[in-house]
Amino acid sequence: MQIAIAGISHETQTSLPGKTDLNGFSVSRCKQITRRNRARPNSALGRMIVECEKAGVEAIPLVYASGGMGPTVTDRVYDCYAGEICEELKRRAGEWDGILLALHGAMVTESRPDPELDLIRDVRKVVGYEIPVMVSLDLHANLAPEILEEATAIFGYRCSPHIDVGETGQRAARAIIDVLADRTRPVTAMKKPGLVVPSLYSATTQPPASDIRARVLEWNSRPGVIDVSFFFGFAWSDVPQLGVSAVAVTDGDPNLAARIVEDLSDMAWSHRVSLTQGHGDLYSVEEGVSLAIEKGRTAQKPIILLDHADRMQDTTFVLRELLKQGAEDAAHPLLYDPEAVKVCEEAGIGSQVRLAVGSRSSDRAGGPVNLVGTVKWVGEKQYIATGPMSRGGPVTHGLTAIVQAEGVWLQITSRRASLIDADPIEQYGANVDDFRIIVTKSKTHFRAVYEEVGEAIIVVDAPEYSPAEVSRHIYENVPPGVYPITERCCCH
């Protein structure tokens, strides 16, 4: 038996400035996919390959293109990589027994609001509807019900932080192997309650998202159930399919699948206020920084300061306030500013530099912060990730500088990344325990490490790209009946 493995991944925030073009994607092909992913425990592709090998099924990787998170994707990205996937499938048409696709579910191109659905349709045009096509998706996927007409079954991450990406690939692979062995007959149901959840409130380590995940796992343990997923959606894509989705895959039992998604949908709707507004634990930047400094004076572990609304890794509201309030022993990792890094490189280690740092993406980013600091380190470091989400994968932040600016340890990078583990600090010679305050611009993924590292988490809601209140975001393509947009957004 031969199973093709392929995919495209991008999380698109449609309101961000600019476009994500071909140079915004990293691409692996054929044996390169196996080499890069087979030994990575949290890789969907790697676990798909390993699971097929264990079952004696030949896994044939084709193409995988990953673009991370960013602004709207150009159409030529889709044309290039979707076209390449389909051409590879055509090249061996008639030989495939099944297809495994690793997708995100929140990608948007210039003319395609749902390119993942389009890709599955394009794949079906090549291979037909007689063989199974299984799809793994991010927990933050925005799904149209029509995907169930094209995919045999879909499988979503159940955790945010996404520590179960590899496990999700394994679930999809096991399901397709069972179908090919004629052990199961998947039937899939979906229910969308009409609800948009900001990424901040999708952390499955915190209620109510943790309660929904627990219910998913409970349903998944029932007889006759193949798989259950709950997709929290990606609130910052202005698309018709925006919002959360409950999905159940059963073994030939459509009534059971319908009952499961009805229950999960009802549960999400009952928590709609806390899922969209949290529990009143947001602070202004000034208040949050002040509280972090106060708590940091006596805390036994670092205070984690979450600047959740920054999608471009270059906004400066928190950095400016840390300096203004005289914070001590504060770490501000992974601020994106290639121009400032170049200034530090030219000055050299040990030099004092004057920088206008940050806010390169747009005038919404807070404006550059003028500071004087000492260059403690500059260079390009490559390392293998040790954190639970990226373990085993190669990492580089490009040319990077570390500047001590008064009481702030400031790391400035030439590649965008968010702080999801300790590596960006500890691989550069510092220790997370060295600091009273650590700033992260992650939304939920930092929690995989920093819920344990930190004594407290303080969330600030800066006036940036992804405000906690989605009704402050402008939507033009979302249909009526999606809470809380319809009720609060002036465009409806």
Foldseek 3Di string as FASTA:
>chain_A
DEEEEEEEEEAAQAPFPDEQEPVLKDKDAWVRLQVQALPWQQALSNLLCVLCVVVVYHYTYGMYIYRYYDHAYEPVVLCVRLVRVLVVCLVPAPPHQEYEYEYAQNHHHPPRRTSVLVSLVSNCVRHPDPHAYEYEYELAHQDDPCSVVRHQYYFYQLAVVRLCNNVRSNLRSVVRVCVSVVNFRKDKDKDFLQAAFALLLCGLVDPPNVVLSVLQVVLCPDPQWSHWGKRQHHLSRQAASGGIMTMTIGGPDVVSRVVSRVVSSVVCVVCRCCRQPNDPQADALLVLLVVLQVCLVPDQFAEEEEAAQDPQQFACSNVQNCVVVQRAQEEEEFHEDVVQLVQDVVQDAQGKDWDQGGDPRDPQRHGTDTFIWGWHDWDKDWDADCASNRHRHIDIQAIWIWTCTRRYGYIYGNHGDWQLECCRPVVVPHGNRSGRYYYTHHSRNNCSHVVVRHPYYHYYQYSHRRGSNSLVPDHDHYDPRRPPNNVRHPND
